[in-house]
Amino acid sequence: MIHSGHNSFSKDQPVPGIIRDTEAIINIHPQLPPALIFSTRDDRTAPTQKAEQIAKAFREAHVPVQLEIYERGGHMAFNFPSPKAADWPQRFRQWIQQFNFQSNR
């Protein structure tokens, strides 16, 4: 779960499985589905360090996670209609196949 904006949790009182910063609270727990996280090293809005921290929390919760880091593309690298990281849909399809999910597309 990602919650943006104000939160009532104190940074001085850590809760296991919860990542805090000024922008979001992310509750990582074992019941979550597998995750594929994309990031770019030149993203100044959502730094790669945050993606690495989230991926680590997934691993610690024993939830399958894959982190794909692109060197360039910035914060909008994965947006349509013309993503700078144009191969991400193919990477997603390859990743999802391991879970035997069915798609009509």
C-alpha atoms as a PDB file:
ATOM      1  CA  MET A   1       0.000   0.000   0.000  1.00  0.00           C
ATOM      2  CA  ILE A   2       1.309   3.422  -0.866  1.00  0.00           C
ATOM      3  CA  HIS A   3      -0.094   6.455   0.879  1.00  0.00           C
ATOM      4  CA  SER A   4       0.968   9.894  -0.262  1.00  0.00           C
ATOM      5  CA  GLY A   5       0.690  13.010   1.780  1.00  0.00           C
ATOM      6  CA  HIS A   6       0.348  13.480   5.534  1.00  0.00           C
ATOM      7  CA  ASN A   7       0.760  10.494   7.824  1.00  0.00           C
ATOM      8  CA  SER A   8       0.242   9.999  11.528  1.00  0.00           C
ATOM      9  CA  PHE A   9       3.229   7.689  12.054  1.00  0.00           C
ATOM     10  CA  SER A  10       6.281   8.980  13.816  1.00  0.00           C
ATOM     11  CA  LYS A  11       9.659   8.462  12.200  1.00  0.00           C
ATOM     12  CA  ASP A  12      10.971   7.855  15.715  1.00  0.00           C
ATOM     13  CA  GLN A  13       8.773   4.777  16.161  1.00  0.00           C
ATOM     14  CA  PRO A  14       9.730   2.258  13.459  1.00  0.00           C
ATOM     15  CA  VAL A  15       7.200  -0.407  12.494  1.00  0.00           C
ATOM     16  CA  PRO A  16       8.513  -3.594  10.821  1.00  0.00           C
ATOM     17  CA  GLY A  17       7.812  -3.742   7.093  1.00  0.00           C
ATOM     18  CA  ILE A  18       7.029  -0.063   6.762  1.00  0.00           C
ATOM     19  CA  ILE A  19       9.220   2.307   4.783  1.00  0.00           C
ATOM     20  CA  ARG A  20       8.759   5.980   5.629  1.00  0.00           C
ATOM     21  CA  ASP A  21       9.807   9.192   4.070  1.00  0.00           C
ATOM     22  CA  THR A  22       8.195  12.585   3.673  1.00  0.00           C
ATOM     23  CA  GLU A  23       6.291  11.487   0.568  1.00  0.00           C
ATOM     24  CA  ALA A  24       4.923   8.004   1.247  1.00  0.00           C
ATOM     25  CA  ILE A  25       4.365   5.154   3.621  1.00  0.00           C
ATOM     26  CA  ILE A  26       4.852   1.782   2.001  1.00  0.00           C
ATOM     27  CA  ASN A  27       3.681  -1.266   3.938  1.00  0.00           C
ATOM     28  CA  ILE A  28       5.456  -4.361   2.616  1.00  0.00           C
ATOM     29  CA  HIS A  29       4.078  -7.652   3.934  1.00  0.00           C
ATOM     30  CA  PRO A  30       4.229 -11.344   2.905  1.00  0.00           C
ATOM     31  CA  GLN A  31       0.708 -11.359   1.443  1.00  0.00           C
ATOM     32  CA  LEU A  32       1.644  -8.969  -1.367  1.00  0.00           C
ATOM     33  CA  PRO A  33       1.878 -10.297  -4.927  1.00  0.00           C
ATOM     34  CA  PRO A  34       5.248 -10.427  -6.704  1.00  0.00           C
ATOM     35  CA  ALA A  35       6.616  -7.040  -7.709  1.00  0.00           C
ATOM     36  CA  LEU A  36       8.517  -5.690 -10.685  1.00  0.00           C
ATOM     37  CA  ILE A  37      10.073  -2.308  -9.966  1.00  0.00           C
ATOM     38  CA  PHE A  38      11.492  -0.038 -12.660  1.00  0.00           C
ATOM     39  CA  SER A  39      13.776   2.887 -11.917  1.00  0.00           C
ATOM     40  CA  THR A  40      16.217   5.184 -13.693  1.00  0.00           C
ATOM     41  CA  ARG A  41      19.469   6.405 -12.212  1.00  0.00           C
ATOM     42  CA  ASP A  42      18.790   9.959 -13.409  1.00  0.00           C
ATOM     43  CA  ASP A  43      15.313  10.208 -11.824  1.00  0.00           C
ATOM     44  CA  ARG A  44      15.437  13.143  -9.419  1.00  0.00           C
ATOM     45  CA  THR A  45      11.799  12.730  -8.324  1.00  0.00           C
ATOM     46  CA  ALA A  46      11.965   9.067  -7.275  1.00  0.00           C
ATOM     47  CA  PRO A  47      15.647   8.204  -6.772  1.00  0.00           C
ATOM     48  CA  THR A  48      16.938   4.715  -7.498  1.00  0.00           C
ATOM     49  CA  GLN A  49      17.940   4.435  -3.838  1.00  0.00           C
ATOM     50  CA  LYS A  50      14.235   4.474  -2.928  1.00  0.00           C
ATOM     51  CA  ALA A  51      13.504   1.688  -5.443  1.00  0.00           C
ATOM     52  CA  GLU A  52      16.397  -0.319  -3.981  1.00  0.00           C
ATOM     53  CA  GLN A  53      15.037   0.221  -0.468  1.00  0.00           C
ATOM     54  CA  ILE A  54      11.574  -0.951  -1.522  1.00  0.00           C
ATOM     55  CA  ALA A  55      12.988  -4.011  -3.296  1.00  0.00           C
ATOM     56  CA  LYS A  56      14.966  -4.877  -0.164  1.00  0.00           C
ATOM     57  CA  ALA A  57      11.793  -4.669   1.936  1.00  0.00           C
ATOM     58  CA  PHE A  58      10.045  -7.057  -0.476  1.00  0.00           C
ATOM     59  CA  ARG A  59      12.935  -9.524  -0.157  1.00  0.00           C
ATOM     60  CA  GLU A  60      12.893  -9.279   3.625  1.00  0.00           C
ATOM     61  CA  ALA A  61       9.143 -10.040   3.554  1.00  0.00           C
ATOM     62  CA  HIS A  62       9.884 -13.059   1.299  1.00  0.00           C
ATOM     63  CA  VAL A  63       7.872 -11.582  -1.574  1.00  0.00           C
ATOM     64  CA  PRO A  64       9.329 -12.178  -5.050  1.00  0.00           C
ATOM     65  CA  VAL A  65      10.688  -8.933  -6.473  1.00  0.00           C
ATOM     66  CA  GLN A  66      12.737  -7.907  -9.472  1.00  0.00           C
ATOM     67  CA  LEU A  67      14.336  -4.487  -9.759  1.00  0.00           C
ATOM     68  CA  GLU A  68      15.138  -3.200 -13.244  1.00  0.00           C
ATOM     69  CA  ILE A  69      17.351  -0.108 -13.282  1.00  0.00           C
ATOM     70  CA  TYR A  70      17.879   1.936 -16.436  1.00  0.00           C
ATOM     71  CA  GLU A  71      20.749   4.402 -16.664  1.00  0.00           C
ATOM     72  CA  ARG A  72      18.739   7.195 -18.317  1.00  0.00           C
ATOM     73  CA  GLY A  73      15.185   8.268 -18.834  1.00  0.00           C
ATOM     74  CA  GLY A  74      14.288  10.401 -15.852  1.00  0.00           C
ATOM     75  CA  HIS A  75      11.000  10.285 -13.998  1.00  0.00           C
ATOM     76  CA  MET A  76       8.874   9.964 -17.134  1.00  0.00           C
ATOM     77  CA  ALA A  77      10.916   7.118 -18.664  1.00  0.00           C
ATOM     78  CA  PHE A  78       8.085   4.582 -18.511  1.00  0.00           C
ATOM     79  CA  ASN A  79       5.153   6.754 -19.564  1.00  0.00           C
ATOM     80  CA  PHE A  80       3.224   6.326 -22.791  1.00  0.00           C
ATOM     81  CA  PRO A  81       2.810   7.179 -25.590  1.00  0.00           C
ATOM     82  CA  SER A  82       6.574   7.279 -26.149  1.00  0.00           C
ATOM     83  CA  PRO A  83       8.513   5.988 -23.158  1.00  0.00           C
ATOM     84  CA  LYS A  84      12.231   6.687 -23.139  1.00  0.00           C
ATOM     85  CA  ALA A  85      12.764   3.188 -21.730  1.00  0.00           C
ATOM     86  CA  ALA A  86      10.845   1.713 -24.649  1.00  0.00           C
ATOM     87  CA  ASP A  87      11.603  -1.931 -23.887  1.00  0.00           C
ATOM     88  CA  TRP A  88       9.898  -1.980 -20.486  1.00  0.00           C
ATOM     89  CA  PRO A  89       6.649  -3.599 -21.748  1.00  0.00           C
ATOM     90  CA  GLN A  90       8.661  -6.516 -23.147  1.00  0.00           C
ATOM     91  CA  ARG A  91      10.577  -6.836 -19.875  1.00  0.00           C
ATOM     92  CA  PHE A  92       7.266  -6.868 -18.023  1.00  0.00           C
ATOM     93  CA  ARG A  93       5.884  -9.619 -20.274  1.00  0.00           C
ATOM     94  CA  GLN A  94       9.006 -11.733 -19.745  1.00  0.00           C
ATOM     95  CA  TRP A  95       8.821 -11.230 -15.983  1.00  0.00           C
ATOM     96  CA  ILE A  96       5.103 -12.019 -15.655  1.00  0.00           C
ATOM     97  CA  GLN A  97       5.398 -15.271 -17.635  1.00  0.00           C
ATOM     98  CA  GLN A  98       7.209 -16.937 -14.740  1.00  0.00           C
ATOM     99  CA  PHE A  99       4.010 -16.663 -12.685  1.00  0.00           C
ATOM    100  CA  ASN A 100       1.800 -18.290 -15.367  1.00  0.00           C
ATOM    101  CA  PHE A 101      -0.627 -15.381 -15.425  1.00  0.00           C
ATOM    102  CA  GLN A 102      -2.955 -15.435 -18.400  1.00  0.00           C
ATOM    103  CA  SER A 103      -3.625 -12.402 -20.546  1.00  0.00           C
ATOM    104  CA  ASN A 104      -5.897 -11.777 -23.508  1.00  0.00           C
ATOM    105  CA  ARG A 105      -3.362  -9.380 -25.044  1.00  0.00           C
END
